[in-house]
Protein backbone atom coordinates (compact mmCIF):
# COMPACT_ATOMS: atom_id res chain seq x y z
CA MET A 1 9.18 -16.28 -20.22
CA LEU A 2 11.18 -15.97 -23.42
CA GLY A 3 11.69 -12.30 -22.66
CA TYR A 4 13.32 -13.09 -19.31
CA PHE A 5 15.47 -15.77 -20.97
CA ASP A 6 16.55 -13.42 -23.76
CA ARG A 7 17.29 -10.75 -21.19
CA VAL A 8 20.34 -12.79 -20.18
CA PHE A 9 21.00 -14.80 -23.33
CA GLU A 10 20.70 -12.04 -25.90
CA GLY A 11 23.36 -13.40 -28.27
CA ARG A 12 26.52 -12.07 -26.65
CA GLU A 13 29.35 -14.59 -26.46
CA LEU A 14 29.42 -16.27 -23.07
CA GLU A 15 32.42 -16.81 -20.82
CA ILE A 16 32.34 -19.65 -18.29
CA LEU A 17 33.62 -18.50 -14.91
CA GLY A 18 33.35 -21.78 -13.03
CA TYR A 19 31.37 -24.85 -12.06
CA VAL A 20 30.19 -26.28 -8.76
CA ARG A 21 28.21 -29.44 -8.17
CA GLN A 22 26.40 -30.93 -5.23
CA ARG A 23 24.19 -33.93 -4.47
CA ILE A 24 21.15 -33.08 -2.38
CA PRO A 25 19.30 -35.91 -0.60
CA CYS A 26 15.77 -34.97 -1.60
CA ASN A 27 13.35 -35.28 -4.49
CA TRP A 28 14.13 -32.93 -7.38
CA LYS A 29 10.72 -31.27 -7.16
CA PHE A 30 11.69 -29.72 -3.83
CA MET A 31 14.36 -27.70 -5.67
CA PHE A 32 11.84 -26.44 -8.21
CA GLU A 33 9.50 -25.57 -5.36
CA ASN A 34 12.30 -23.65 -3.68
CA ILE A 35 12.77 -21.32 -6.63
CA LYS A 36 9.02 -20.92 -7.18
CA ASP A 37 8.36 -20.19 -3.49
CA PRO A 38 9.23 -16.51 -3.02
CA TYR A 39 8.36 -15.87 0.60
CA HIS A 40 10.74 -18.43 2.12
CA ALA A 41 13.66 -16.09 1.40
CA SER A 42 12.39 -13.65 4.02
CA VAL A 43 11.97 -16.45 6.55
CA LEU A 44 15.02 -18.60 5.92
CA HIS A 45 17.88 -16.57 4.43
CA VAL A 46 19.30 -14.32 7.14
CA PHE A 47 21.86 -12.90 4.70
CA PHE A 48 19.19 -11.92 2.18
CA ILE A 49 17.02 -10.31 4.81
CA THR A 50 19.69 -8.37 6.66
CA PHE A 51 21.37 -6.86 3.62
CA GLY A 52 18.25 -6.08 1.61
CA LEU A 53 18.89 -8.45 -1.30
CA PHE A 54 15.51 -10.19 -1.25
CA ARG A 55 12.72 -9.24 1.13
CA LEU A 56 8.94 -9.13 1.08
CA ASP A 57 8.88 -5.35 1.57
CA GLN A 58 10.59 -4.80 -1.80
CA ARG A 59 8.88 -4.24 -5.12
CA SER A 60 8.49 -7.69 -6.61
CA ALA A 61 6.41 -9.98 -8.78
CA VAL A 62 5.72 -13.61 -9.67
CA GLU A 63 5.15 -14.19 -13.39
CA MET A 64 4.37 -17.45 -15.20
CA ASP A 65 3.59 -18.73 -18.67
CA GLU A 66 0.05 -19.85 -19.47
CA THR A 67 0.72 -23.43 -18.33
CA GLY A 68 2.34 -22.58 -15.00
CA ARG A 69 5.32 -24.84 -15.67
CA HIS A 70 7.75 -21.95 -16.23
CA ALA A 71 8.00 -19.01 -13.84
CA ALA A 72 10.10 -16.01 -12.89
CA LEU A 73 10.53 -14.33 -9.51
CA ILE A 74 11.46 -10.68 -9.94
CA SER A 75 12.69 -8.40 -7.17
CA ARG A 76 14.48 -5.08 -6.66
CA LYS A 77 17.20 -4.64 -4.04
CA GLY A 78 16.10 -2.72 -0.94
CA GLU A 79 17.92 -1.02 1.88
CA GLN A 80 19.09 -2.31 5.25
CA ILE A 81 16.47 -0.37 7.17
CA MET A 82 14.02 -1.10 9.95
CA ASN A 83 10.41 -0.56 8.89
CA GLU A 84 7.01 -2.07 9.57
CA ALA A 85 7.77 -5.08 7.39
CA THR A 86 11.24 -5.84 8.74
CA LEU A 87 10.02 -5.48 12.32
CA GLU A 88 8.05 -8.69 11.74
CA LEU A 89 11.10 -10.59 10.50
CA ALA A 90 12.69 -12.41 13.42
CA ASN A 91 15.93 -12.93 11.48
CA PHE A 92 16.49 -9.27 10.57
CA ARG A 93 19.79 -8.05 12.08
CA GLU A 94 20.06 -4.29 11.81
CA ASP A 95 23.38 -4.30 13.69
CA LEU A 96 25.24 -6.45 11.14
CA LYS A 97 27.40 -4.69 8.55
CA LEU A 98 29.67 -6.01 5.83
CA ASN A 99 33.30 -4.98 6.06
CA ASP A 100 33.40 -5.18 2.26
CA PRO A 101 30.02 -4.09 0.84
CA ARG A 102 31.19 -4.79 -2.72
CA LEU A 103 29.90 -8.32 -2.17
CA ILE A 104 26.29 -7.12 -2.53
CA GLU A 105 26.56 -3.92 -4.58
CA PRO A 106 24.95 -4.46 -8.01
CA ALA A 107 26.02 -2.64 -11.15
CA ARG A 108 23.24 -1.83 -13.61
CA GLU A 109 23.58 -3.96 -16.74
CA PHE A 110 20.10 -5.11 -17.82
CA PRO A 111 17.03 -3.15 -18.93
CA GLY A 112 14.62 -2.41 -16.10
CA ASP A 113 15.40 -2.15 -12.42
CA ALA A 114 15.19 -5.80 -11.34
CA THR A 115 18.24 -6.84 -9.33
CA VAL A 116 17.03 -10.44 -8.92
CA VAL A 117 15.38 -12.62 -11.56
CA MET A 118 15.13 -16.33 -10.82
CA GLN A 119 13.62 -18.23 -13.74
CA THR A 120 12.51 -21.86 -13.55
CA ILE A 121 12.26 -23.64 -16.90
CA PHE A 122 10.40 -26.96 -16.69
CA PRO A 123 11.52 -29.58 -15.96
CA ASN A 124 15.08 -29.11 -14.75
CA VAL A 125 16.72 -25.73 -15.51
CA ILE A 126 17.05 -22.60 -13.41
CA VAL A 127 18.44 -19.36 -14.83
CA GLN A 128 19.71 -17.10 -12.07
CA GLN A 129 20.49 -13.38 -12.01
CA GLN A 130 21.30 -12.31 -8.46
CA SER A 131 22.73 -8.80 -8.71
CA ASN A 132 25.55 -9.37 -11.23
CA THR A 133 26.26 -13.03 -10.62
CA LEU A 134 24.79 -15.12 -13.43
CA ALA A 135 24.36 -18.86 -13.33
CA MET A 136 22.45 -21.74 -14.83
CA ARG A 137 21.48 -24.55 -12.47
CA GLN A 138 20.68 -27.98 -13.90
CA MET A 139 18.97 -30.71 -11.92
CA VAL A 140 19.93 -34.33 -12.67
CA THR A 141 17.73 -36.86 -10.90
CA ARG A 142 19.31 -39.76 -9.00
CA GLY A 143 16.10 -41.53 -8.07
CA PRO A 144 13.16 -40.30 -5.98
CA HIS A 145 15.29 -39.42 -2.95
CA SER A 146 18.24 -37.44 -4.36
CA PHE A 147 19.41 -35.33 -7.27
CA ASP A 148 22.54 -33.57 -8.48
CA LEU A 149 22.46 -29.79 -8.74
CA ASN A 150 25.02 -28.57 -11.27
CA TRP A 151 25.84 -24.85 -11.24
CA THR A 152 27.49 -23.10 -14.20
CA PHE A 153 28.58 -19.54 -13.44
CA PHE A 154 29.12 -17.32 -16.44
CA GLY A 155 29.59 -13.83 -17.76
CA PHE A 156 30.23 -12.40 -21.21
CA LYS A 157 33.39 -12.27 -23.29
CA ASP A 158 33.15 -8.48 -23.55
CA ASP A 159 32.81 -7.92 -19.78
CA THR A 160 35.23 -5.41 -18.34
CA PRO A 161 37.77 -6.85 -15.87
CA GLU A 162 35.92 -4.98 -13.11
CA LEU A 163 32.55 -6.55 -14.00
CA ARG A 164 34.10 -10.01 -14.30
CA GLN A 165 35.58 -9.65 -10.84
CA ARG A 166 32.24 -8.43 -9.50
CA ARG A 167 30.49 -11.53 -10.88
CA ILE A 168 33.08 -13.85 -9.30
CA ARG A 169 32.90 -12.02 -5.97
CA GLN A 170 29.10 -12.18 -5.88
CA ALA A 171 29.17 -15.88 -6.79
CA ASN A 172 30.10 -16.45 -3.14
CA LEU A 173 26.39 -15.98 -2.38
CA MET A 174 25.52 -19.13 -4.33
CA GLY A 175 26.59 -22.74 -4.71
CA PRO A 176 26.86 -25.58 -2.15
CA ALA A 177 28.62 -23.37 0.42
CA GLY A 178 27.14 -20.04 -0.68
CA LEU A 179 26.39 -17.40 1.93
CA VAL A 180 22.73 -17.69 0.89
CA SER A 181 22.10 -21.02 -0.83
CA VAL A 182 23.81 -23.14 1.83
CA ASP A 183 20.54 -22.72 3.77
CA ASP A 184 18.50 -24.29 0.98
CA SER A 185 20.39 -27.59 0.88
CA GLU A 186 19.83 -28.12 4.59
CA VAL A 187 16.12 -27.28 4.47
CA LEU A 188 15.52 -29.39 1.35
CA GLU A 189 16.98 -32.42 3.13
CA LEU A 190 14.78 -31.76 6.16
CA SER A 191 11.75 -31.38 3.90
CA GLN A 192 12.45 -34.74 2.29
CA GLU A 193 12.74 -36.38 5.71
CA GLY A 194 9.43 -34.84 6.76
CA ALA A 195 7.54 -35.72 3.59
CA GLN A 196 8.66 -39.30 2.97
CA VAL A 197 7.15 -40.62 6.21
CA PHE A 198 3.69 -39.61 4.94
CA PRO A 199 3.60 -41.07 1.40
CA ASP A 200 -0.19 -41.17 1.20
CA THR A 201 -0.88 -37.67 2.53
CA ASP A 202 -2.05 -34.77 0.36
CA VAL A 203 -1.03 -31.16 0.93
CA VAL A 204 -2.92 -28.02 -0.13
CA LEU A 205 -0.96 -24.80 -0.66
CA GLU A 206 -3.29 -21.94 0.18
CA MET A 207 -1.16 -18.85 0.87
CA GLY A 208 -2.74 -16.30 -1.43
CA GLY A 209 -5.80 -18.50 -1.98
CA ARG A 210 -5.88 -21.21 -4.64
CA SER A 211 -5.08 -19.02 -7.61
CA THR A 212 -2.36 -19.86 -10.13
CA ALA A 213 -2.28 -16.35 -11.62
CA ASP A 214 0.61 -13.88 -11.74
CA THR A 215 0.98 -11.53 -8.78
CA ASP A 216 2.62 -8.14 -8.23
CA HIS A 217 3.98 -9.28 -4.86
CA MET A 218 5.64 -12.34 -3.36
CA VAL A 219 3.32 -13.27 -0.50
CA THR A 220 1.89 -16.17 -2.47
CA GLU A 221 2.28 -19.82 -3.35
CA ALA A 222 0.73 -19.33 -6.78
CA GLY A 223 3.95 -20.36 -8.53
CA VAL A 224 4.16 -23.62 -6.58
CA ARG A 225 0.48 -24.40 -7.21
CA ALA A 226 0.82 -23.68 -10.93
CA PHE A 227 3.87 -25.96 -11.15
CA TYR A 228 2.02 -28.87 -9.54
CA LYS A 229 -1.09 -28.23 -11.60
CA HIS A 230 1.01 -28.71 -14.73
CA TYR A 231 2.97 -31.61 -13.25
CA ILE A 232 -0.23 -33.49 -12.39
CA GLU A 233 -1.56 -32.96 -15.91
CA VAL A 234 1.63 -33.97 -17.73
CA MET A 235 2.03 -37.06 -15.54
CA GLY A 236 -1.60 -38.10 -16.11
CA PHE A 237 -2.47 -38.22 -12.43
CA ASN A 238 -6.11 -38.02 -11.40
CA HIS A 239 -6.97 -35.05 -9.24
CA ALA A 240 -10.02 -33.14 -8.09
CA GLY A 241 -10.55 -29.43 -8.68
């Protein structure tokens, strides 16, 4: 986990590009689940799916620390093509094109070929690299039914003007009204409404079995299970298995 953190925060002087804030009417743990749940992107985010930014048919991985509290979702940008995997995605729109493709074109700047790394750091920090837009998200709880999500978009002091502009342009994908993340706020609110009417009900997350181990794909809920395994232990809750 430290390696993924240092990948972004390697000691270069940071430059703040902007802030956005939103209050989401759901429990904060839903937000952590969202970033640890990799397969929802291919079901929910039409923009991601259509333009190849984050899909299940791409090379990807879920990696965690030994406790399961911290995790990273790693993915490589794909192409806007129809194949066996995208045929099964009801939201895939092969006919849609961007008039300005610069919005989603990444420039290589980090070691390796990952174009997306979403890192969750327990209990309330998310470090985001989506193409070249970099951000830190901080969750501030406002009781069991809402929390504030504070986004800080940044780059580096030695960025070229072209790279700085690229980061700002790609930041339109994220935030309260982002082309991608606007979907999350809506679904998190709906999830809260669905969960709070069953306060005494337990849920088992079984996609990919019951393992909490790293995977070299994203068709799994291992990251969510590992998070709750740690949460239950740190909170001192009794649980079976």
